[in-house]
PDB file of N, CA and C in Angstrom:
ATOM      1  N   MET A   1     -21.477-122.800 -82.827  1.00  0.00           N
ATOM      2  CA  MET A   1     -22.144-122.271 -84.299  1.00  0.00           C
ATOM      3  C   MET A   1     -21.029-120.611 -83.933  1.00  0.00           C
ATOM      4  N   GLY A   2     -20.826-120.296 -85.069  1.00  0.00           N
ATOM      5  CA  GLY A   2     -20.361-119.065 -84.777  1.00  0.00           C
ATOM      6  C   GLY A   2     -20.570-118.193 -85.578  1.00  0.00           C
ATOM      7  N   ILE A   3     -20.468-116.891 -85.488  1.00  0.00           N
ATOM      8  CA  ILE A   3     -21.176-115.894 -86.115  1.00  0.00           C
ATOM      9  C   ILE A   3     -20.214-115.048 -86.804  1.00  0.00           C
ATOM     10  N   HIS A   4     -20.746-114.347 -88.109  1.00  0.00           N
ATOM     11  CA  HIS A   4     -19.712-113.672 -89.226  1.00  0.00           C
ATOM     12  C   HIS A   4     -20.138-112.885 -89.014  1.00  0.00           C
ATOM     13  N   CYS A   5     -19.062-111.336 -89.169  1.00  0.00           N
ATOM     14  CA  CYS A   5     -19.511-110.494 -89.677  1.00  0.00           C
ATOM     15  C   CYS A   5     -19.920-110.133 -90.898  1.00  0.00           C
ATOM     16  N   VAL A   6     -20.722-109.077 -90.866  1.00  0.00           N
ATOM     17  CA  VAL A   6     -20.742-108.288 -92.988  1.00  0.00           C
ATOM     18  C   VAL A   6     -20.036-108.945 -93.615  1.00  0.00           C
ATOM     19  N   SER A   7     -18.987-107.882 -93.235  1.00  0.00           N
ATOM     20  CA  SER A   7     -17.588-108.428 -94.648  1.00  0.00           C
ATOM     21  C   SER A   7     -17.394-109.835 -94.821  1.00  0.00           C
ATOM     22  N   ASP A   8     -17.438-110.639 -93.619  1.00  0.00           N
ATOM     23  CA  ASP A   8     -17.350-112.069 -94.172  1.00  0.00           C
ATOM     24  C   ASP A   8     -17.881-112.399 -94.824  1.00  0.00           C
ATOM     25  N   ARG A   9     -19.390-112.713 -94.572  1.00  0.00           N
ATOM     26  CA  ARG A   9     -20.555-113.106 -94.982  1.00  0.00           C
ATOM     27  C   ARG A   9     -20.417-112.498 -96.664  1.00  0.00           C
ATOM     28  N   ILE A  10     -19.980-111.107 -97.017  1.00  0.00           N
ATOM     29  CA  ILE A  10     -19.812-110.763 -98.117  1.00  0.00           C
ATOM     30  C   ILE A  10     -18.714-111.661 -99.009  1.00  0.00           C
ATOM     31  N   ASN A  11     -17.755-111.429 -98.014  1.00  0.00           N
ATOM     32  CA  ASN A  11     -16.310-112.788 -99.065  1.00  0.00           C
ATOM     33  C   ASN A  11     -16.691-113.873 -98.844  1.00  0.00           C
ATOM     34  N   LEU A  12     -17.840-114.811 -98.486  1.00  0.00           N
ATOM     35  CA  LEU A  12     -17.771-115.854 -98.374  1.00  0.00           C
ATOM     36  C   LEU A  12     -18.927-116.000 -99.734  1.00  0.00           C
ATOM     37  N   ALA A  13     -20.058-115.176 -99.743  1.00  0.00           N
ATOM     38  CA  ALA A  13     -20.440-115.376-100.898  1.00  0.00           C
ATOM     39  C   ALA A  13     -19.845-115.138-102.520  1.00  0.00           C
ATOM     40  N   ILE A  14     -19.019-114.066-102.119  1.00  0.00           N
ATOM     41  CA  ILE A  14     -17.970-113.980-103.557  1.00  0.00           C
ATOM     42  C   ILE A  14     -17.373-114.290-103.485  1.00  0.00           C
ATOM     43  N   GLN A  15     -16.845-115.406-102.644  1.00  0.00           N
ATOM     44  CA  GLN A  15     -15.942-116.314-103.197  1.00  0.00           C
ATOM     45  C   GLN A  15     -16.750-117.947-103.812  1.00  0.00           C
ATOM     46  N   SER A  16     -18.039-118.172-102.853  1.00  0.00           N
ATOM     47  CA  SER A  16     -18.702-119.308-103.849  1.00  0.00           C
ATOM     48  C   SER A  16     -19.151-118.761-105.096  1.00  0.00           C
ATOM     49  N   LEU A  17     -19.422-117.603-105.460  1.00  0.00           N
ATOM     50  CA  LEU A  17     -19.792-117.315-106.997  1.00  0.00           C
ATOM     51  C   LEU A  17     -18.438-116.696-107.554  1.00  0.00           C
ATOM     52  N   GLY A  18     -17.328-117.289-107.219  1.00  0.00           N
ATOM     53  CA  GLY A  18     -16.223-117.168-107.955  1.00  0.00           C
ATOM     54  C   GLY A  18     -16.333-117.842-109.023  1.00  0.00           C
ATOM     55  N   GLY A  19     -16.771-119.576-109.362  1.00  0.00           N
ATOM     56  CA  GLY A  19     -16.671-119.892-110.434  1.00  0.00           C
ATOM     57  C   GLY A  19     -17.253-119.522-111.190  1.00  0.00           C
ATOM     58  N   LEU A  20     -18.190-118.675-111.384  1.00  0.00           N
ATOM     59  CA  LEU A  20     -19.295-117.756-112.562  1.00  0.00           C
ATOM     60  C   LEU A  20     -18.208-117.614-113.512  1.00  0.00           C
ATOM     61  N   ILE A  21     -19.044-117.737-114.622  1.00  0.00           N
ATOM     62  CA  ILE A  21     -17.613-117.001-115.347  1.00  0.00           C
ATOM     63  C   ILE A  21     -18.368-115.245-115.776  1.00  0.00           C
ATOM     64  N   SER A  22     -19.641-114.784-115.146  1.00  0.00           N
ATOM     65  CA  SER A  22     -20.057-113.554-115.760  1.00  0.00           C
ATOM     66  C   SER A  22     -18.658-112.837-114.258  1.00  0.00           C
ATOM     67  N   ILE A  23     -18.801-113.430-112.893  1.00  0.00           N
ATOM     68  CA  ILE A  23     -17.710-112.885-111.800  1.00  0.00           C
ATOM     69  C   ILE A  23     -16.814-113.047-112.197  1.00  0.00           C
ATOM     70  N   ALA A  24     -15.888-114.341-112.974  1.00  0.00           N
ATOM     71  CA  ALA A  24     -14.547-113.869-112.733  1.00  0.00           C
ATOM     72  C   ALA A  24     -14.293-112.964-113.992  1.00  0.00           C
ATOM     73  N   LYS A  25     -15.275-112.504-115.340  1.00  0.00           N
ATOM     74  CA  LYS A  25     -15.003-111.835-116.195  1.00  0.00           C
ATOM     75  C   LYS A  25     -15.111-110.021-115.678  1.00  0.00           C
ATOM     76  N   ILE A  26     -16.213-109.747-114.340  1.00  0.00           N
ATOM     77  CA  ILE A  26     -15.842-109.167-113.829  1.00  0.00           C
ATOM     78  C   ILE A  26     -14.638-108.322-113.111  1.00  0.00           C
ATOM     79  N   LYS A  27     -14.421-109.489-112.355  1.00  0.00           N
ATOM     80  CA  LYS A  27     -13.017-109.460-111.915  1.00  0.00           C
ATOM     81  C   LYS A  27     -12.075-109.637-112.164  1.00  0.00           C
ATOM     82  N   SER A  28     -11.320-109.982-113.640  1.00  0.00           N
ATOM     83  CA  SER A  28     -10.349-109.665-114.329  1.00  0.00           C
ATOM     84  C   SER A  28     -10.753-108.345-115.185  1.00  0.00           C
ATOM     85  N   LEU A  29     -11.844-107.767-115.474  1.00  0.00           N
ATOM     86  CA  LEU A  29     -11.519-106.322-115.440  1.00  0.00           C
ATOM     87  C   LEU A  29     -11.494-105.294-114.159  1.00  0.00           C
ATOM     88  N   LYS A  30     -11.920-105.595-113.051  1.00  0.00           N
ATOM     89  CA  LYS A  30     -11.211-104.869-111.984  1.00  0.00           C
ATOM     90  C   LYS A  30      -9.851-104.679-112.133  1.00  0.00           C
ATOM     91  N   LEU A  31      -9.013-106.246-111.973  1.00  0.00           N
ATOM     92  CA  LEU A  31      -8.040-105.948-111.686  1.00  0.00           C
ATOM     93  C   LEU A  31      -7.125-105.703-112.874  1.00  0.00           C
ATOM     94  N   ASP A  32      -7.510-105.614-113.877  1.00  0.00           N
ATOM     95  CA  ASP A  32      -7.272-104.763-115.825  1.00  0.00           C
ATOM     96  C   ASP A  32      -6.867-103.766-115.513  1.00  0.00           C
ATOM     97  N   MET A  33      -8.156-102.863-114.743  1.00  0.00           N
ATOM     98  CA  MET A  33      -8.089-101.561-114.885  1.00  0.00           C
ATOM     99  C   MET A  33      -7.624-101.018-113.850  1.00  0.00           C
ATOM    100  N   TYR A  34      -7.253-101.477-112.788  1.00  0.00           N
ATOM    101  CA  TYR A  34      -6.509-101.695-111.313  1.00  0.00           C
ATOM    102  C   TYR A  34      -4.822-101.093-111.754  1.00  0.00           C
ATOM    103  N   GLY A  35      -4.562-102.802-112.642  1.00  0.00           N
ATOM    104  CA  GLY A  35      -3.331-102.325-113.575  1.00  0.00           C
ATOM    105  C   GLY A  35      -3.209-101.332-114.294  1.00  0.00           C
ATOM    106  N   TYR A  36      -3.501-100.688-115.076  1.00  0.00           N
ATOM    107  CA  TYR A  36      -3.758 -99.854-116.089  1.00  0.00           C
ATOM    108  C   TYR A  36      -3.602 -98.249-115.448  1.00  0.00           C
ATOM    109  N   PHE A  37      -4.286 -98.439-114.603  1.00  0.00           N
ATOM    110  CA  PHE A  37      -4.655 -96.648-113.813  1.00  0.00           C
ATOM    111  C   PHE A  37      -3.207 -96.699-112.670  1.00  0.00           C
ATOM    112  N   ASN A  38      -3.171 -97.603-112.060  1.00  0.00           N
ATOM    113  CA  ASN A  38      -2.085 -97.713-111.029  1.00  0.00           C
ATOM    114  C   ASN A  38      -0.183 -97.187-111.677  1.00  0.00           C
ATOM    115  N   HIS A  39      -0.301 -97.274-112.508  1.00  0.00           N
ATOM    116  CA  HIS A  39       1.275 -97.555-112.992  1.00  0.00           C
ATOM    117  C   HIS A  39       1.716 -96.029-113.655  1.00  0.00           C
ATOM    118  N   SER A  40       0.755 -95.092-113.795  1.00  0.00           N
ATOM    119  CA  SER A  40       1.536 -94.111-113.543  1.00  0.00           C
ATOM    120  C   SER A  40       0.700 -92.929-113.246  1.00  0.00           C
ATOM    121  N   PRO A  41       1.441 -91.518-113.084  1.00  0.00           N
ATOM    122  CA  PRO A  41       0.694 -90.525-111.891  1.00  0.00           C
ATOM    123  C   PRO A  41      -0.504 -90.255-113.746  1.00  0.00           C
ATOM    124  N   LYS A  42       0.201 -89.899-114.457  1.00  0.00           N
ATOM    125  CA  LYS A  42      -1.046 -89.755-115.263  1.00  0.00           C
ATOM    126  C   LYS A  42      -1.749 -90.468-115.667  1.00  0.00           C
ATOM    127  N   TRP A  43      -1.923 -91.699-115.588  1.00  0.00           N
ATOM    128  CA  TRP A  43      -3.248 -92.092-115.452  1.00  0.00           C
ATOM    129  C   TRP A  43      -4.229 -92.509-114.363  1.00  0.00           C
ATOM    130  N   HIS A  44      -3.410 -91.923-113.052  1.00  0.00           N
ATOM    131  CA  HIS A  44      -3.775 -92.463-111.740  1.00  0.00           C
ATOM    132  C   HIS A  44      -4.946 -91.015-112.085  1.00  0.00           C
ATOM    133  N   PHE A  45      -4.389 -89.892-112.337  1.00  0.00           N
ATOM    134  CA  PHE A  45      -5.095 -88.622-112.547  1.00  0.00           C
ATOM    135  C   PHE A  45      -6.818 -88.874-113.707  1.00  0.00           C
ATOM    136  N   LYS A  46      -6.467 -90.030-114.971  1.00  0.00           N
ATOM    137  CA  LYS A  46      -7.162 -89.764-115.730  1.00  0.00           C
ATOM    138  C   LYS A  46      -8.376 -90.370-114.749  1.00  0.00           C
ATOM    139  N   PHE A  47      -7.955 -91.386-114.072  1.00  0.00           N
ATOM    140  CA  PHE A  47      -8.772 -92.050-113.671  1.00  0.00           C
ATOM    141  C   PHE A  47      -9.635 -91.392-112.062  1.00  0.00           C
ATOM    142  N   GLN A  48      -9.400 -90.579-111.983  1.00  0.00           N
ATOM    143  CA  GLN A  48      -9.732 -89.892-110.479  1.00  0.00           C
ATOM    144  C   GLN A  48     -10.903 -89.088-111.447  1.00  0.00           C
ATOM    145  N   LYS A  49     -10.163 -88.494-112.908  1.00  0.00           N
ATOM    146  CA  LYS A  49     -11.577 -87.474-113.463  1.00  0.00           C
ATOM    147  C   LYS A  49     -12.905 -88.322-114.002  1.00  0.00           C
ATOM    148  N   ILE A  50     -12.681 -89.883-114.365  1.00  0.00           N
ATOM    149  CA  ILE A  50     -13.734 -90.804-114.583  1.00  0.00           C
ATOM    150  C   ILE A  50     -14.580 -91.030-113.625  1.00  0.00           C
ATOM    151  N   ALA A  51     -13.931 -91.224-112.063  1.00  0.00           N
ATOM    152  CA  ALA A  51     -14.820 -91.108-110.885  1.00  0.00           C
ATOM    153  C   ALA A  51     -15.098 -90.037-110.669  1.00  0.00           C
ATOM    154  N   GLN A  52     -14.880 -89.169-110.876  1.00  0.00           N
ATOM    155  CA  GLN A  52     -15.598 -87.644-110.655  1.00  0.00           C
ATOM    156  C   GLN A  52     -16.597 -87.887-111.618  1.00  0.00           C
ATOM    157  N   ILE A  53     -16.479 -87.456-113.081  1.00  0.00           N
ATOM    158  CA  ILE A  53     -17.578 -87.571-113.897  1.00  0.00           C
ATOM    159  C   ILE A  53     -18.569 -89.045-113.610  1.00  0.00           C
ATOM    160  N   MET A  54     -18.468 -89.978-112.670  1.00  0.00           N
ATOM    161  CA  MET A  54     -19.368 -90.715-112.921  1.00  0.00           C
ATOM    162  C   MET A  54     -19.931 -90.869-111.448  1.00  0.00           C
ATOM    163  N   GLU A  55     -19.335 -89.814-110.428  1.00  0.00           N
ATOM    164  CA  GLU A  55     -20.189 -89.297-109.128  1.00  0.00           C
ATOM    165  C   GLU A  55     -19.662 -90.996-107.865  1.00  0.00           C
ATOM    166  N   THR A  56     -18.327 -91.408-108.426  1.00  0.00           N
ATOM    167  CA  THR A  56     -18.121 -92.909-107.624  1.00  0.00           C
ATOM    168  C   THR A  56     -16.883 -92.527-106.781  1.00  0.00           C
ATOM    169  N   ASN A  57     -16.785 -93.397-105.829  1.00  0.00           N
ATOM    170  CA  ASN A  57     -15.445 -92.802-104.760  1.00  0.00           C
ATOM    171  C   ASN A  57     -14.600 -93.917-105.519  1.00  0.00           C
ATOM    172  N   GLY A  58     -14.183 -93.992-106.811  1.00  0.00           N
ATOM    173  CA  GLY A  58     -12.852 -95.077-107.282  1.00  0.00           C
ATOM    174  C   GLY A  58     -11.589 -94.525-106.759  1.00  0.00           C
ATOM    175  N   SER A  59     -11.802 -93.529-105.933  1.00  0.00           N
ATOM    176  CA  SER A  59     -10.022 -93.123-106.127  1.00  0.00           C
ATOM    177  C   SER A  59      -9.566 -94.622-104.293  1.00  0.00           C
ATOM    178  N   LYS A  60     -10.839 -95.274-103.622  1.00  0.00           N
ATOM    179  CA  LYS A  60     -10.809 -96.101-102.622  1.00  0.00           C
ATOM    180  C   LYS A  60     -10.066 -97.211-103.524  1.00  0.00           C
ATOM    181  N   ILE A  61     -10.316 -97.424-105.099  1.00  0.00           N
ATOM    182  CA  ILE A  61      -9.443 -98.892-105.308  1.00  0.00           C
ATOM    183  C   ILE A  61      -7.788 -98.439-105.722  1.00  0.00           C
ATOM    184  N   LEU A  62      -7.351 -97.258-105.982  1.00  0.00           N
ATOM    185  CA  LEU A  62      -6.118 -97.134-106.401  1.00  0.00           C
ATOM    186  C   LEU A  62      -5.703 -96.711-104.834  1.00  0.00           C
ATOM    187  N   LYS A  63      -6.188 -97.130-103.643  1.00  0.00           N
ATOM    188  CA  LYS A  63      -5.264 -96.826-102.180  1.00  0.00           C
ATOM    189  C   LYS A  63      -5.006 -97.996-101.808  1.00  0.00           C
ATOM    190  N   LYS A  64      -5.668 -99.407-102.169  1.00  0.00           N
ATOM    191  CA  LYS A  64      -5.245-100.756-102.014  1.00  0.00           C
ATOM    192  C   LYS A  64      -3.997-100.906-102.593  1.00  0.00           C
TER     193      LYS A  64
END
């Protein structure tokens, strides 16, 4: 019997939910946002401003 760490469990849970339409739409939205904001320094700056306004740490998305 193996023991998975929390990140492995989360990954397994997300993979099992991947077939749901709503999860697929969220994943697609995330990839589209990354593609839009990652291609230009000007768009990257806009994304950072949006993340600040929303009080999130959205900059982690662009570092991957």
